[in-house]
Amino acid sequence: MLDLLITGGTVVDGTGAAARQTDIGVRGGRIVSIGAHDGAHADSAIRTVDASGLVVAPGFVDVHTHYDAQVMWDPACSPSSLHGVTTVLAGNCGFTIAPIAPGVPEYIANMLSRVEGIPISALQAGLDWKWDSFGSYLDRLEGRLGVNAGFLAGHSTIRRCVMGEAAVGEEATPGQIAAMVALLRRSLDEGALGFSSTKASAHYDSNGQPVPSRWATDEELLALCGAVAESAGTAIEFIPTVEPRFSPEVCELMARMSLAARRPLNWNLLGVRPGEAEAANRASKLAASDHAAALGGRVLALCLPDIMRQRLNLLTGFTYDLIAGWTEIMHLPYERKREALADPEVRARMLAGAEASPHFTMSRLAESTIVDVSSPHLQSQVGRSIGDIAGERGCRPIDALFDLALDDGLRTGIQPPNTDDVPEAWEERARLWRDPRVIIGGSDAGAHLDQMQTFNCHTAFLAKAVRAKQLISLEEAVHLVTDVPARLYGLRGRGRITPGWCADLVLFDLDTVGPAPVEVSHDLPGGAWRLTGGAQGVERVLVNGVEIVVDGGLTGDLPGTVLRSGRDTVPVSL
């Protein structure tokens, strides 16, 4: 007898094959039959779901999230699951909460709060740190997940565990590198899916210092990648730089990392903006894949399936600290930061830095928009451009912004201009999705909770690229967010609708699917808030044959699997 029979849906199986209207039988968490079921067979199912008018697809696989902490208090990894994501991969950028050593949790929590925008109050209230090894962390999650979740082992965390305070500011000795390799190897043996690290200049800890991995030599990185080659780990994830272009040295390092690990390396994030200069920037970054391939390695760029939507603020200063002359100001304590931002001489230096910055979307202050304020008396400024406010006040845009933010406790939400929501950029995006050097990803879900609005990128992909703009077929789009990422990480039996594979499924109405409005929710531990938002047109989401979302709401069921290397993965070769 079937546990569940899904009838009459338009099945898009994840392989890229043409959609077809048919039925799906599920038993024991797996797909056991695909094809028309007559009345007699339908009677043999415990439950039947009529999917007429709906698309039935494999659950989406999100390869770049930061749910490591949130999964401890939110087993459904919302809002991703509301958007059809059934498998999340976390532990990216070198920032993980396992393994852990005595005296390390406080540093890791503060680092996570700084680099990934997770309120420290939520981390303090939501984590008990009652684990030490990577395996004991994964053990805590067994039987407590709504979605499937796999985790990489993070470089900065491992370095801090081995080197203590010396992890920031010092080069590792050969003995310390050997200890890091041993700790990583143990983590991989206990289920870590691979290794992650960052060299990006945007990543500072809560003390305003570069995070531990940024102090590593190339030799240290390559030694750690070598540990992956000796394990069942399936991937390397790396943030090489946030500069507009890759240097030959960056391309060489990523190729060597892939070769040392004998695994694919994916990096975050390939931006898509219009213009010849931006095209040249992208070409320099995709050249890293060509260089690696020539040497026998494999390097892949992550590219969002939607536009980049951000909410910046001067309180945390994250992303603004990429601008020359802004970095040290953004890392000051609150009161000192307020004093600096009010100083005309400091403003002059910051303006010069903004005008010379290659990160032009952030530095184009006049075109930025006020999206929210915390002070009621400033509500009239919401929705206005900083340029308009400056014109009204008869001052420079930087003065208008800083004066407004100072009046608002620096909490003002600021949206940089969206230069990537134009036909030229969308056409380039569609070309990149089909490029074998690119994989769809980069949602950053679970991180930058007061900033990022890309957690809904999968339903936005369907609504915009497939339905509205018709840049890509439904079958190809589903293939790119299911089977392709699942194969990259070697996930066993996931990413396709085929007999014997896990029944991770999403049922949606293609005519209405899309993101619901983004809103502020005070639902984090300790009463902290985040930006979040559900989906429209997603009728049901199943994980291992059990519904975790019905009619847009979470059911509370916990059928998810902790994805461990070796047990839940197959080897991934170059």
Protein backbone atom coordinates (compact mmCIF):
# COMPACT_ATOMS: atom_id res chain seq x y z
CA MET A 1 0.00 0.00 0.00
CA LEU A 2 1.19 3.50 -0.81
CA ASP A 3 1.61 6.06 1.94
CA LEU A 4 0.74 8.82 -0.51
CA LEU A 5 -0.53 9.10 -4.06
CA ILE A 6 -0.17 12.43 -5.88
CA THR A 7 -2.47 12.48 -8.88
CA GLY A 8 -2.93 14.61 -11.97
CA GLY A 9 0.06 16.90 -11.56
CA THR A 10 2.38 18.18 -14.26
CA VAL A 11 5.56 16.36 -13.31
CA VAL A 12 8.87 18.08 -14.04
CA ASP A 13 11.36 15.46 -12.94
CA GLY A 14 14.53 17.55 -12.57
CA THR A 15 16.47 15.90 -15.40
CA GLY A 16 15.44 18.52 -17.96
CA ALA A 17 13.04 16.09 -19.66
CA ALA A 18 9.73 17.41 -20.95
CA ALA A 19 6.97 17.85 -18.39
CA ARG A 20 4.19 15.28 -18.39
CA GLN A 21 0.91 14.87 -16.59
CA THR A 22 1.07 11.77 -14.44
CA ASP A 23 0.80 10.36 -10.91
CA ILE A 24 3.47 9.72 -8.27
CA GLY A 25 3.32 7.00 -5.62
CA VAL A 26 5.25 7.39 -2.36
CA ARG A 27 6.04 4.78 0.28
CA GLY A 28 8.53 4.83 3.13
CA GLY A 29 9.75 8.30 2.22
CA ARG A 30 10.67 7.31 -1.33
CA ILE A 31 9.14 7.50 -4.77
CA VAL A 32 8.04 4.01 -5.73
CA SER A 33 5.98 4.60 -8.86
CA ILE A 34 5.47 7.14 -11.61
CA GLY A 35 2.57 6.75 -14.01
CA ALA A 36 -1.17 6.72 -14.26
CA HIS A 37 -2.93 4.98 -11.37
CA ASP A 38 -6.43 3.69 -11.99
CA GLY A 39 -9.13 3.68 -9.38
CA ALA A 40 -8.10 0.36 -7.88
CA HIS A 41 -4.55 1.51 -7.34
CA ALA A 42 -5.75 4.84 -5.96
CA ASP A 43 -7.79 2.97 -3.36
CA SER A 44 -4.59 1.31 -2.15
CA ALA A 45 -3.08 4.61 -1.00
CA ILE A 46 -3.46 5.78 2.59
CA ARG A 47 -3.69 9.39 1.36
CA THR A 48 -4.31 10.93 -2.03
CA VAL A 49 -3.45 14.48 -3.05
CA ASP A 50 -5.04 15.91 -6.18
CA ALA A 51 -2.33 17.96 -7.93
CA SER A 52 -4.42 18.90 -10.95
CA GLY A 53 -3.32 22.29 -12.24
CA LEU A 54 -0.09 22.15 -10.26
CA VAL A 55 3.53 21.50 -11.17
CA VAL A 56 5.16 18.67 -9.20
CA ALA A 57 8.95 19.11 -9.07
CA PRO A 58 11.83 17.86 -6.96
CA GLY A 59 12.43 20.01 -3.90
CA PHE A 60 14.91 22.80 -4.52
CA VAL A 61 18.51 22.46 -3.31
CA ASP A 62 20.13 25.63 -1.93
CA VAL A 63 23.92 25.30 -1.94
CA HIS A 64 24.81 28.53 -0.14
CA THR A 65 23.05 29.14 3.17
CA HIS A 66 24.09 29.98 6.73
CA TYR A 67 21.48 28.03 8.69
CA ASP A 68 24.13 26.48 11.02
CA ALA A 69 22.79 28.31 14.07
CA GLN A 70 19.16 28.91 13.08
CA VAL A 71 18.54 25.20 12.55
CA MET A 72 18.90 24.79 16.31
CA TRP A 73 15.74 26.82 16.95
CA ASP A 74 14.02 26.63 13.55
CA PRO A 75 14.20 23.06 12.18
CA ALA A 76 12.25 24.06 9.05
CA CYS A 77 14.90 26.64 8.08
CA SER A 78 12.29 29.25 7.31
CA PRO A 79 11.65 31.02 5.09
CA SER A 80 13.53 28.76 2.62
CA SER A 81 11.21 25.79 3.11
CA LEU A 82 8.18 27.98 2.40
CA HIS A 83 9.71 28.62 -1.03
CA GLY A 84 10.10 24.95 -1.94
CA VAL A 85 13.64 24.37 -0.66
CA THR A 86 13.90 20.88 0.79
CA THR A 87 17.69 20.64 1.11
CA VAL A 88 20.00 23.32 2.51
CA LEU A 89 23.78 23.27 2.50
CA ALA A 90 25.36 25.41 5.20
CA GLY A 91 28.75 25.92 6.82
CA ASN A 92 29.82 28.24 4.03
CA CYS A 93 32.54 30.93 3.98
CA GLY A 94 34.51 29.25 6.76
CA PHE A 95 32.01 30.27 9.47
CA THR A 96 30.60 27.30 11.37
CA ILE A 97 29.57 26.49 14.92
CA ALA A 98 31.33 23.11 14.92
CA PRO A 99 33.79 21.78 15.83
CA ILE A 100 34.24 23.79 19.01
CA ALA A 101 36.80 23.97 21.81
CA PRO A 102 36.74 25.43 25.34
CA GLY A 103 36.73 29.22 25.29
CA VAL A 104 35.86 29.40 21.58
CA PRO A 105 32.03 29.78 21.51
CA GLU A 106 32.00 33.44 22.57
CA TYR A 107 34.41 34.41 19.80
CA ILE A 108 32.54 32.35 17.19
CA ALA A 109 29.16 33.81 18.19
CA ASN A 110 30.46 37.37 17.98
CA MET A 111 32.17 36.64 14.65
CA LEU A 112 28.97 35.14 13.23
CA SER A 113 27.02 38.15 14.39
CA ARG A 114 29.46 40.47 12.66
CA VAL A 115 30.13 38.70 9.36
CA GLU A 116 26.76 37.02 8.84
CA GLY A 117 24.42 39.57 10.37
CA ILE A 118 22.78 37.27 12.93
CA PRO A 119 21.80 39.24 16.05
CA ILE A 120 24.09 38.36 18.94
CA SER A 121 21.05 38.27 21.25
CA ALA A 122 19.55 35.51 19.10
CA LEU A 123 22.77 33.50 19.15
CA GLN A 124 23.12 33.90 22.92
CA ALA A 125 19.52 32.86 23.57
CA GLY A 126 19.28 30.18 20.88
CA LEU A 127 22.51 28.20 21.28
CA ASP A 128 23.56 26.15 24.32
CA TRP A 129 26.90 25.02 22.78
CA LYS A 130 26.50 21.54 24.26
CA TRP A 131 28.63 19.86 21.61
CA ASP A 132 32.31 19.79 20.81
CA SER A 133 33.10 17.73 17.72
CA PHE A 134 31.48 18.10 14.33
CA GLY A 135 29.87 14.72 14.84
CA SER A 136 28.29 15.66 18.16
CA TYR A 137 26.88 18.81 16.53
CA LEU A 138 25.29 16.70 13.78
CA ASP A 139 24.03 14.24 16.41
CA ARG A 140 22.09 17.10 18.03
CA LEU A 141 20.19 17.56 14.77
CA GLU A 142 19.25 13.93 14.11
CA GLY A 143 15.49 13.57 14.23
CA ARG A 144 15.03 17.32 14.74
CA LEU A 145 15.01 18.63 11.16
CA GLY A 146 12.15 19.72 8.95
CA VAL A 147 14.39 19.87 5.87
CA ASN A 148 17.46 17.95 4.78
CA ALA A 149 20.61 19.75 5.88
CA GLY A 150 24.29 19.22 5.18
CA PHE A 151 27.21 21.23 6.54
CA LEU A 152 30.74 22.07 5.50
CA ALA A 153 33.52 22.41 8.08
CA GLY A 154 34.64 26.03 8.33
CA HIS A 155 38.24 27.23 8.20
CA SER A 156 37.93 30.18 10.61
CA THR A 157 36.31 28.01 13.26
CA ILE A 158 38.89 25.23 12.92
CA ARG A 159 41.75 27.76 13.02
CA ARG A 160 40.40 29.35 16.21
CA CYS A 161 39.98 25.93 17.84
CA VAL A 162 43.60 25.03 17.12
CA MET A 163 45.39 28.37 17.50
CA GLY A 164 43.24 30.20 20.04
CA GLU A 165 43.68 33.97 19.99
CA ALA A 166 46.74 33.57 17.74
CA ALA A 167 44.33 32.56 14.93
CA VAL A 168 43.94 36.28 14.32
CA GLY A 169 47.19 38.01 13.49
CA GLU A 170 49.62 35.12 13.21
CA GLU A 171 50.81 32.67 10.60
CA ALA A 172 50.31 29.05 11.59
CA THR A 173 53.33 26.90 12.40
CA PRO A 174 53.76 23.53 10.64
CA GLY A 175 52.54 21.85 13.82
CA GLN A 176 49.42 24.01 13.95
CA ILE A 177 48.66 23.31 10.31
CA ALA A 178 48.98 19.60 11.00
CA ALA A 179 46.58 19.96 13.94
CA MET A 180 44.08 21.83 11.75
CA VAL A 181 44.31 19.14 9.08
CA ALA A 182 43.70 16.46 11.71
CA LEU A 183 40.66 18.32 13.09
CA LEU A 184 39.25 18.82 9.61
CA ARG A 185 39.84 15.18 8.72
CA ARG A 186 38.00 14.10 11.88
CA SER A 187 35.12 16.46 11.03
CA LEU A 188 34.89 15.03 7.53
CA ASP A 189 34.92 11.48 8.88
CA GLU A 190 32.05 12.47 11.21
CA GLY A 191 29.91 13.77 8.37
CA ALA A 192 31.05 17.21 7.19
CA LEU A 193 30.35 17.50 3.46
CA GLY A 194 33.55 19.38 2.71
CA PHE A 195 35.61 22.43 3.59
CA SER A 196 34.91 26.17 3.34
CA SER A 197 37.05 29.28 3.69
CA THR A 198 37.27 32.96 2.84
CA LYS A 199 39.92 35.50 1.90
CA ALA A 200 37.37 38.26 1.24
CA SER A 201 38.23 41.71 2.55
CA ALA A 202 34.60 42.16 3.65
CA HIS A 203 35.00 39.61 6.42
CA TYR A 204 36.02 41.08 9.79
CA ASP A 205 35.39 39.71 13.25
CA SER A 206 33.64 41.60 16.04
CA ASN A 207 36.94 43.20 17.07
CA GLY A 208 37.36 44.77 13.65
CA GLN A 209 40.14 42.34 12.70
CA PRO A 210 40.24 40.12 9.61
CA VAL A 211 38.60 36.77 10.40
CA PRO A 212 41.00 33.87 11.15
CA SER A 213 41.05 32.33 7.66
CA ARG A 214 42.26 35.61 6.17
CA TRP A 215 45.56 35.16 8.06
CA ALA A 216 46.22 31.77 6.46
CA THR A 217 48.98 31.21 3.92
CA ASP A 218 48.29 29.45 0.64
CA GLU A 219 50.19 26.47 2.01
CA GLU A 220 47.75 26.22 4.93
CA LEU A 221 44.75 26.39 2.60
CA LEU A 222 46.17 23.72 0.31
CA ALA A 223 46.99 21.42 3.24
CA LEU A 224 43.39 21.65 4.44
CA CYS A 225 42.06 21.01 0.94
CA GLY A 226 44.27 17.94 0.84
CA ALA A 227 42.39 16.54 3.82
CA VAL A 228 39.21 16.55 1.73
CA ALA A 229 40.90 14.41 -0.92
CA GLU A 230 41.50 11.74 1.72
CA SER A 231 37.86 11.71 2.90
CA ALA A 232 34.31 11.21 1.71
CA GLY A 233 33.83 14.99 1.60
CA THR A 234 32.40 16.13 -1.70
CA ALA A 235 33.14 19.84 -2.16
CA ILE A 236 35.17 22.96 -1.44
CA GLU A 237 33.52 26.38 -1.00
CA PHE A 238 35.57 29.56 -1.06
CA ILE A 239 35.18 33.33 -1.06
CA PRO A 240 38.35 34.48 -2.86
CA THR A 241 37.83 38.26 -2.92
CA VAL A 242 35.19 40.94 -3.30
CA GLU A 243 37.21 42.90 -5.83
CA PRO A 244 35.56 43.51 -9.22
CA ARG A 245 38.10 41.29 -11.01
CA PHE A 246 40.15 38.20 -10.24
CA SER A 247 43.90 38.46 -10.46
CA PRO A 248 45.95 35.63 -12.00
CA GLU A 249 47.07 34.77 -8.46
CA VAL A 250 43.46 34.26 -7.32
CA CYS A 251 42.73 32.05 -10.35
CA GLU A 252 45.86 30.00 -9.65
CA LEU A 253 45.01 29.56 -5.97
CA MET A 254 41.49 28.28 -6.64
CA ALA A 255 42.77 25.86 -9.28
CA ARG A 256 45.37 24.52 -6.83
CA MET A 257 42.73 24.18 -4.10
CA SER A 258 40.49 22.12 -6.38
CA LEU A 259 43.40 19.93 -7.44
CA ALA A 260 44.58 19.44 -3.86
CA ALA A 261 41.10 18.39 -2.76
CA ARG A 262 40.36 16.48 -5.96
CA ARG A 263 36.91 18.01 -5.68
CA PRO A 264 34.95 20.83 -7.35
CA LEU A 265 35.33 24.27 -5.80
CA ASN A 266 32.45 26.75 -5.88
CA TRP A 267 32.83 30.42 -5.08
CA ASN A 268 30.35 33.15 -4.20
CA LEU A 269 29.17 35.39 -5.95
CA LEU A 270 29.18 36.28 -9.66
CA GLY A 271 27.32 39.57 -10.03
CA VAL A 272 25.36 40.50 -13.13
CA ARG A 273 25.24 44.18 -14.01
CA PRO A 274 25.03 45.83 -17.42
CA GLY A 275 27.88 47.55 -19.23
CA GLU A 276 31.15 46.72 -20.93
CA ALA A 277 33.23 47.15 -17.79
CA GLU A 278 31.02 44.73 -15.89
CA ALA A 279 31.24 42.22 -18.74
CA ALA A 280 35.04 42.42 -18.55
CA ASN A 281 34.88 41.88 -14.79
CA ARG A 282 32.77 38.75 -15.24
CA ALA A 283 35.11 37.44 -17.92
CA SER A 284 38.08 37.79 -15.57
CA LYS A 285 36.24 35.78 -12.92
CA LEU A 286 35.03 33.05 -15.26
CA ALA A 287 38.61 32.74 -16.47
CA ALA A 288 39.28 31.07 -13.11
CA SER A 289 37.17 28.13 -14.27
CA ASP A 290 39.02 27.93 -17.57
CA HIS A 291 42.39 28.02 -15.84
CA ALA A 292 41.37 25.29 -13.40
CA ALA A 293 40.00 23.12 -16.20
CA ALA A 294 43.24 23.43 -18.15
CA LEU A 295 45.08 22.03 -15.12
CA GLY A 296 42.52 19.27 -14.47
CA GLY A 297 40.58 21.00 -11.70
CA ARG A 298 37.02 22.32 -11.52
CA VAL A 299 35.99 25.78 -10.34
CA LEU A 300 32.38 27.00 -10.47
CA ALA A 301 30.86 30.44 -9.89
CA LEU A 302 27.58 30.84 -8.01
CA CYS A 303 25.07 33.13 -9.70
CA LEU A 304 21.75 34.21 -8.25
CA PRO A 305 18.56 33.36 -10.15
CA ASP A 306 17.17 36.79 -9.28
CA ILE A 307 18.35 40.35 -8.83
CA MET A 308 20.39 41.25 -5.76
CA ARG A 309 18.18 43.02 -3.23
CA GLN A 310 19.82 44.42 -0.10
CA ARG A 311 18.97 46.58 2.86
CA LEU A 312 22.08 48.28 4.24
CA ASN A 313 22.49 50.28 7.43
CA LEU A 314 25.18 52.23 9.23
CA LEU A 315 24.64 50.48 12.55
CA THR A 316 26.35 47.25 11.47
CA GLY A 317 28.03 48.87 8.48
CA PHE A 318 28.34 45.51 6.74
CA THR A 319 29.13 45.96 3.02
CA TYR A 320 29.68 49.69 3.50
CA ASP A 321 32.96 48.66 5.13
CA LEU A 322 34.25 47.68 1.69
CA ILE A 323 34.58 51.37 0.78
CA ALA A 324 38.01 52.88 1.35
CA GLY A 325 37.89 55.31 4.25
CA TRP A 326 34.69 53.72 5.60
CA THR A 327 36.14 50.47 6.93
CA GLU A 328 37.58 51.75 10.20
CA ILE A 329 34.50 53.93 10.87
CA MET A 330 32.06 51.05 10.39
CA HIS A 331 33.98 48.98 12.94
CA LEU A 332 33.91 51.59 15.71
CA PRO A 333 31.79 51.11 18.84
CA TYR A 334 28.39 52.75 18.63
CA GLU A 335 29.08 56.03 20.41
CA ARG A 336 32.44 56.55 18.73
CA LYS A 337 30.85 55.78 15.37
CA ARG A 338 28.20 58.43 16.00
CA GLU A 339 30.90 60.98 16.82
CA ALA A 340 32.85 60.11 13.67
CA LEU A 341 29.83 60.28 11.36
CA ALA A 342 28.99 63.73 12.71
CA ASP A 343 32.53 65.05 12.11
CA PRO A 344 32.81 67.19 8.91
CA GLU A 345 36.43 66.13 8.35
CA VAL A 346 35.55 62.45 8.63
CA ARG A 347 32.66 62.97 6.22
CA ALA A 348 35.01 64.59 3.72
CA ARG A 349 37.34 61.58 3.81
CA MET A 350 34.44 59.15 3.52
CA LEU A 351 33.00 61.07 0.57
CA ALA A 352 36.35 60.88 -1.21
CA GLY A 353 36.43 57.14 -0.59
CA ALA A 354 32.91 56.68 -1.91
CA GLU A 355 33.61 58.67 -5.06
CA ALA A 356 36.69 56.55 -5.82
CA SER A 357 35.16 53.20 -4.86
CA PRO A 358 34.80 50.40 -7.43
CA HIS A 359 31.82 49.16 -5.38
CA PHE A 360 29.69 51.76 -7.08
CA THR A 361 26.23 50.47 -6.18
CA MET A 362 26.92 51.05 -2.50
CA SER A 363 28.70 54.34 -3.04
CA ARG A 364 26.00 55.89 -5.24
CA LEU A 365 24.38 57.50 -2.24
CA ALA A 366 22.14 59.96 -4.10
CA GLU A 367 20.41 57.07 -5.91
CA SER A 368 19.96 55.01 -2.76
CA THR A 369 16.52 54.86 -1.16
CA ILE A 370 15.33 54.95 2.45
CA VAL A 371 13.32 51.73 2.91
CA ASP A 372 12.57 51.87 6.62
CA VAL A 373 13.20 53.88 9.79
CA SER A 374 12.96 53.01 13.46
CA SER A 375 11.87 56.47 14.63
CA PRO A 376 8.21 57.37 13.97
CA HIS A 377 8.97 61.04 13.38
CA LEU A 378 11.08 60.05 10.35
CA GLN A 379 8.41 57.90 8.69
CA SER A 380 7.83 60.54 6.01
CA GLN A 381 11.32 59.83 4.62
CA VAL A 382 10.57 56.21 3.78
CA GLY A 383 10.49 55.60 0.03
CA ARG A 384 12.47 58.71 -0.81
CA SER A 385 15.86 58.81 -2.49
CA ILE A 386 18.74 60.28 -0.54
CA GLY A 387 19.29 62.66 -3.44
CA ASP A 388 15.76 64.04 -3.06
CA ILE A 389 16.22 64.46 0.69
CA ALA A 390 19.56 66.21 0.11
CA GLY A 391 17.98 68.56 -2.42
CA GLU A 392 15.22 69.45 0.01
CA ARG A 393 17.73 70.11 2.79
CA GLY A 394 20.22 71.91 0.56
CA CYS A 395 23.12 69.64 1.44
CA ARG A 396 25.24 66.86 -0.02
CA PRO A 397 23.75 63.33 -0.19
CA ILE A 398 26.32 62.05 2.32
CA ASP A 399 25.26 64.74 4.80
CA ALA A 400 21.58 63.97 4.28
CA LEU A 401 22.18 60.27 4.85
CA PHE A 402 24.38 60.63 7.90
CA ASP A 403 22.16 63.27 9.52
CA LEU A 404 19.09 61.11 9.01
CA ALA A 405 20.82 57.96 10.29
CA LEU A 406 22.18 59.76 13.35
CA ASP A 407 18.65 60.94 14.13
CA ASP A 408 17.49 57.32 13.79
CA GLY A 409 20.07 55.61 15.98
CA LEU A 410 21.91 54.46 12.82
CA ARG A 411 19.14 51.89 12.24
CA THR A 412 17.84 53.45 9.01
CA GLY A 413 17.35 50.90 6.22
CA ILE A 414 19.05 51.94 2.97
CA GLN A 415 18.58 50.27 -0.40
CA PRO A 416 21.35 50.80 -2.96
CA PRO A 417 20.24 51.40 -6.56
CA ASN A 418 19.36 48.21 -8.43
CA THR A 419 21.38 48.35 -11.62
CA ASP A 420 20.85 44.67 -12.42
CA ASP A 421 17.07 44.74 -13.00
CA VAL A 422 17.25 45.68 -16.70
CA PRO A 423 16.73 43.57 -19.86
CA GLU A 424 20.45 43.46 -20.68
CA ALA A 425 21.27 42.04 -17.25
CA TRP A 426 18.45 39.51 -17.36
CA GLU A 427 19.58 38.24 -20.76
CA GLU A 428 23.15 37.90 -19.48
CA ARG A 429 21.87 36.13 -16.37
CA ALA A 430 20.02 33.58 -18.50
CA ARG A 431 23.18 32.99 -20.55
CA LEU A 432 25.21 32.42 -17.41
CA TRP A 433 22.72 29.95 -15.94
CA ARG A 434 23.44 27.72 -18.94
CA ASP A 435 27.21 28.19 -18.74
CA PRO A 436 28.93 25.00 -17.43
CA ARG A 437 31.23 27.24 -15.35
CA VAL A 438 28.25 28.56 -13.38
CA ILE A 439 25.78 27.08 -10.93
CA ILE A 440 22.69 28.74 -9.49
CA GLY A 441 23.13 29.72 -5.84
CA GLY A 442 24.07 32.45 -3.41
CA SER A 443 20.84 33.06 -1.51
CA ASP A 444 22.76 33.51 1.78
CA ALA A 445 19.56 32.42 3.53
CA GLY A 446 19.94 32.40 7.29
CA ALA A 447 22.46 35.25 7.20
CA HIS A 448 22.41 39.05 7.00
CA LEU A 449 18.97 38.95 8.56
CA ASP A 450 18.60 42.72 8.55
CA GLN A 451 20.02 43.10 5.06
CA MET A 452 19.53 40.32 2.51
CA GLN A 453 16.25 39.81 0.67
CA THR A 454 17.35 36.96 -1.56
CA PHE A 455 16.03 34.08 0.59
CA ASN A 456 13.05 33.94 -1.80
CA CYS A 457 15.15 33.66 -4.96
CA HIS A 458 13.80 30.25 -5.99
CA THR A 459 10.17 31.32 -6.26
CA ALA A 460 11.31 34.64 -7.77
CA PHE A 461 13.19 32.58 -10.38
CA LEU A 462 9.99 30.81 -11.38
CA ALA A 463 7.90 33.98 -11.32
CA LYS A 464 10.30 36.19 -13.27
CA ALA A 465 12.65 34.16 -15.43
CA VAL A 466 10.21 31.39 -16.31
CA ARG A 467 6.72 32.92 -16.25
CA ALA A 468 7.06 36.67 -16.82
CA LYS A 469 10.20 37.02 -18.92
CA GLN A 470 10.21 33.54 -20.51
CA LEU A 471 14.01 33.48 -20.52
CA ILE A 472 14.20 29.81 -19.68
CA SER A 473 11.86 26.84 -19.89
CA LEU A 474 10.25 25.42 -16.78
CA GLU A 475 12.02 22.10 -17.30
CA GLU A 476 15.46 23.68 -17.58
CA ALA A 477 14.87 26.00 -14.64
CA VAL A 478 13.84 23.13 -12.36
CA HIS A 479 16.85 21.10 -13.52
CA LEU A 480 19.21 23.94 -12.55
CA VAL A 481 17.92 24.25 -8.97
CA THR A 482 17.44 20.54 -8.22
CA ASP A 483 19.50 17.96 -10.07
CA VAL A 484 22.51 20.18 -10.85
CA PRO A 485 23.27 21.29 -7.26
CA ALA A 486 22.46 17.83 -5.90
CA ARG A 487 25.01 16.24 -8.25
CA LEU A 488 27.63 18.89 -7.41
CA TYR A 489 27.50 17.81 -3.76
CA GLY A 490 27.01 14.11 -4.54
CA LEU A 491 23.69 13.90 -2.70
CA ARG A 492 22.50 10.34 -2.81
CA GLY A 493 18.98 9.87 -4.21
CA ARG A 494 17.98 13.54 -4.24
CA GLY A 495 17.31 16.14 -6.92
CA ARG A 496 15.16 14.07 -9.30
CA ILE A 497 11.74 12.48 -9.41
CA THR A 498 12.59 8.89 -10.20
CA PRO A 499 11.64 5.55 -8.62
CA GLY A 500 13.74 4.69 -5.59
CA TRP A 501 14.77 8.27 -4.92
CA CYS A 502 13.76 10.32 -1.90
CA ALA A 503 10.33 11.94 -2.07
CA ASP A 504 11.49 15.54 -1.71
CA LEU A 505 8.80 17.35 -3.69
CA VAL A 506 7.31 20.79 -4.22
CA LEU A 507 3.83 21.36 -5.66
CA PHE A 508 3.22 24.84 -7.05
CA ASP A 509 0.92 26.79 -9.33
CA LEU A 510 3.04 28.22 -12.14
CA ASP A 511 0.46 30.95 -12.79
CA THR A 512 0.77 32.41 -9.29
CA VAL A 513 4.06 31.20 -7.78
CA GLY A 514 6.32 33.94 -6.48
CA PRO A 515 7.55 35.66 -3.32
CA ALA A 516 5.09 37.22 -0.89
CA PRO A 517 6.03 40.69 0.38
CA VAL A 518 9.11 40.88 2.59
CA GLU A 519 8.32 41.88 6.17
CA VAL A 520 9.93 42.36 9.55
CA SER A 521 9.34 39.57 12.05
CA HIS A 522 10.39 39.56 15.72
CA ASP A 523 10.54 35.76 15.84
CA LEU A 524 14.20 35.13 16.68
CA PRO A 525 15.37 33.93 20.11
CA GLY A 526 15.70 36.76 22.57
CA GLY A 527 13.07 38.78 20.68
CA ALA A 528 15.46 39.82 17.90
CA TRP A 529 14.04 40.65 14.48
CA ARG A 530 14.76 39.67 10.90
CA LEU A 531 13.57 40.29 7.36
CA THR A 532 11.52 37.36 6.14
CA GLY A 533 8.65 36.49 3.83
CA GLY A 534 6.66 33.53 2.58
CA ALA A 535 5.64 32.45 -0.89
CA GLN A 536 2.58 32.62 -3.07
CA GLY A 537 1.44 29.67 -5.18
CA VAL A 538 3.45 27.02 -3.28
CA GLU A 539 0.73 24.59 -2.29
CA ARG A 540 2.74 21.77 -0.70
CA VAL A 541 6.33 20.91 0.14
CA LEU A 542 7.30 17.34 1.02
CA VAL A 543 10.55 16.14 2.59
CA ASN A 544 11.14 12.39 2.53
CA GLY A 545 7.48 11.89 1.70
CA VAL A 546 6.09 13.98 4.58
CA GLU A 547 4.41 17.35 4.09
CA ILE A 548 6.25 20.16 5.85
CA VAL A 549 4.33 22.97 4.08
CA VAL A 550 0.63 22.93 3.24
CA ASP A 551 -1.17 25.93 1.75
CA GLY A 552 1.73 28.24 2.49
CA GLY A 553 2.13 27.31 6.17
CA LEU A 554 4.49 25.02 8.07
CA THR A 555 3.00 21.80 9.41
CA GLY A 556 5.57 21.35 12.18
CA ASP A 557 6.55 17.86 11.04
CA LEU A 558 10.25 16.94 11.19
CA PRO A 559 11.05 14.38 8.48
CA GLY A 560 14.37 15.93 7.44
CA THR A 561 17.69 14.11 7.24
CA VAL A 562 21.10 15.20 8.48
CA LEU A 563 23.21 14.76 5.36
CA ARG A 564 26.54 13.15 6.28
CA SER A 565 29.39 12.61 3.85
CA GLY A 566 29.70 8.97 2.83
CA ARG A 567 26.40 7.90 4.33
CA ASP A 568 24.24 10.30 2.33
CA THR A 569 26.60 11.19 -0.50
CA VAL A 570 28.46 9.52 -3.34
CA PRO A 571 32.00 10.51 -4.38
CA VAL A 572 32.30 13.54 -6.63
CA SER A 573 35.24 13.48 -9.00
CA LEU A 574 36.80 16.18 -11.13
